[in-house]
Amino acid sequence: VQLQASGGGLVQAGGSLRLSCVASGNFFRITDMGWYRQAPGKQRELVARIPSGGGSNYAESVKGRFTISRDNAKNTIYLQMNNLKPEDTAVYYCNANLLTTGLLRRDYWGQGTQVTVSS
């Protein structure tokens, strides 16, 4: 199983970016997926998460600015980030919790994509 994240880059404060993450490989079903981020010198933190059945949860710091969405048919999630702030600068990681073909629950991480917001 692989998670391929894309869409990061350099943007000015107030700008927008859209991240994508595609899950590929041999598995039974994805249960939930999400985005985390890690800034230099800080611990990795949850940004947003979306289960397969719908609904979502967000970090307080991004509520009202970020929107997570999911395309189950494509095994893809997106993170629309608007009104970006310099404190959003971090490496963003995609995460998926899924059931393997043997119905074992496993956790996978993507390689990370850099988001840099200049002031």
Protein backbone atom coordinates (compact mmCIF):
# COMPACT_ATOMS: atom_id res chain seq x y z
CA VAL A 1 0.00 0.00 0.00
CA GLN A 2 1.28 3.44 -0.93
CA LEU A 3 0.04 6.93 -0.17
CA GLN A 4 1.12 9.57 -2.66
CA ALA A 5 0.67 13.16 -1.53
CA SER A 6 0.98 16.18 -3.79
CA GLY A 7 0.05 19.84 -4.05
CA GLY A 8 2.39 21.51 -1.61
CA GLY A 9 4.36 24.62 -2.45
CA LEU A 10 5.21 28.18 -1.59
CA VAL A 11 2.40 30.70 -1.19
CA GLN A 12 1.97 34.13 0.31
CA ALA A 13 -0.08 34.67 3.42
CA GLY A 14 -3.76 34.80 2.54
CA GLY A 15 -3.29 32.49 -0.42
CA SER A 16 -4.62 29.00 -1.07
CA LEU A 17 -3.30 25.54 -1.82
CA ARG A 18 -4.97 22.21 -2.44
CA LEU A 19 -3.33 18.99 -1.32
CA SER A 20 -4.20 15.58 -2.73
CA CYS A 21 -3.42 12.10 -1.47
CA VAL A 22 -4.03 8.90 -3.40
CA ALA A 23 -3.95 5.45 -1.81
CA SER A 24 -2.89 2.61 -4.06
CA GLY A 25 -2.10 -1.06 -3.67
CA ASN A 26 -3.87 -4.17 -2.53
CA PHE A 27 -6.25 -3.70 0.38
CA PHE A 28 -9.84 -4.46 1.31
CA ARG A 29 -11.17 -1.07 2.40
CA ILE A 30 -10.03 2.27 3.68
CA THR A 31 -11.78 3.23 6.90
CA ASP A 32 -10.59 6.74 7.49
CA MET A 33 -7.99 9.11 6.09
CA GLY A 34 -6.53 12.36 7.22
CA TRP A 35 -3.87 15.02 7.08
CA TYR A 36 -1.26 15.74 9.70
CA ARG A 37 1.52 18.29 9.73
CA GLN A 38 4.87 18.75 11.35
CA ALA A 39 6.62 22.07 11.65
CA PRO A 40 10.36 22.30 12.41
CA GLY A 41 11.03 21.56 16.05
CA LYS A 42 7.43 20.57 16.74
CA GLN A 43 5.53 17.34 17.05
CA ARG A 44 3.33 16.03 14.30
CA GLU A 45 -0.25 17.19 14.80
CA LEU A 46 -3.64 16.39 13.35
CA VAL A 47 -4.92 18.87 10.78
CA ALA A 48 -8.12 17.17 9.60
CA ARG A 49 -9.58 13.70 9.38
CA ILE A 50 -12.46 12.18 7.44
CA PRO A 51 -13.96 8.71 7.94
CA SER A 52 -15.35 6.64 5.09
CA GLY A 53 -18.92 7.22 6.24
CA GLY A 54 -18.69 10.99 6.11
CA GLY A 55 -18.23 13.73 8.64
CA SER A 56 -14.91 15.27 9.49
CA ASN A 57 -12.95 16.81 12.31
CA TYR A 58 -10.42 19.62 12.29
CA ALA A 59 -7.75 21.14 14.44
CA GLU A 60 -9.03 24.33 16.04
CA SER A 61 -6.31 26.34 14.34
CA VAL A 62 -7.59 25.49 10.84
CA LYS A 63 -11.35 25.48 11.34
CA GLY A 64 -13.08 27.76 8.88
CA ARG A 65 -10.01 27.92 6.63
CA PHE A 66 -9.32 24.30 5.64
CA THR A 67 -11.73 21.79 4.14
CA ILE A 68 -11.09 18.07 3.87
CA SER A 69 -12.95 16.01 1.30
CA ARG A 70 -12.85 12.48 0.00
CA ASP A 71 -13.48 10.57 -3.21
CA ASN A 72 -14.00 6.98 -2.15
CA ALA A 73 -14.10 5.71 -5.73
CA LYS A 74 -10.60 7.10 -6.30
CA ASN A 75 -9.24 6.32 -2.81
CA THR A 76 -8.28 9.98 -2.66
CA ILE A 77 -8.57 12.74 -0.13
CA TYR A 78 -8.08 16.44 -0.60
CA LEU A 79 -7.27 19.32 1.68
CA GLN A 80 -8.35 22.72 0.47
CA MET A 81 -6.39 25.31 2.42
CA ASN A 82 -7.56 28.91 2.23
CA ASN A 83 -6.39 32.08 3.96
CA LEU A 84 -3.06 30.45 4.70
CA LYS A 85 -0.94 31.88 7.50
CA PRO A 86 2.82 31.65 8.10
CA GLU A 87 2.10 29.37 11.06
CA ASP A 88 0.64 26.83 8.63
CA THR A 89 4.16 26.25 7.29
CA ALA A 90 5.00 22.58 7.78
CA VAL A 91 5.43 19.26 6.08
CA TYR A 92 1.96 17.83 5.52
CA TYR A 93 1.50 14.08 5.76
CA CYS A 94 -1.34 11.96 4.50
CA ASN A 95 -2.52 9.11 6.71
CA ALA A 96 -4.83 6.18 6.01
CA ASN A 97 -6.27 3.60 8.31
CA LEU A 98 -7.39 0.59 6.32
CA LEU A 99 -8.33 -3.06 6.33
CA THR A 100 -5.93 -5.35 4.52
CA THR A 101 -7.09 -8.20 2.32
CA GLY A 102 -6.76 -10.33 5.42
CA LEU A 103 -9.05 -7.89 7.28
CA LEU A 104 -6.29 -6.68 9.54
CA ARG A 105 -6.35 -3.00 10.50
CA ARG A 106 -3.23 -1.16 9.43
CA ASP A 107 -2.01 2.44 9.48
CA TYR A 108 -0.08 3.98 6.58
CA TRP A 109 1.68 7.29 6.00
CA GLY A 110 2.54 9.18 2.86
CA GLN A 111 5.92 10.76 2.18
CA GLY A 112 4.92 14.31 3.10
CA THR A 113 4.60 17.46 1.06
CA GLN A 114 6.08 20.80 2.05
CA VAL A 115 3.81 23.80 2.52
CA THR A 116 5.54 27.13 3.03
CA VAL A 117 3.60 30.33 3.69
CA SER A 118 5.50 33.58 3.45
CA SER A 119 4.45 36.70 5.34
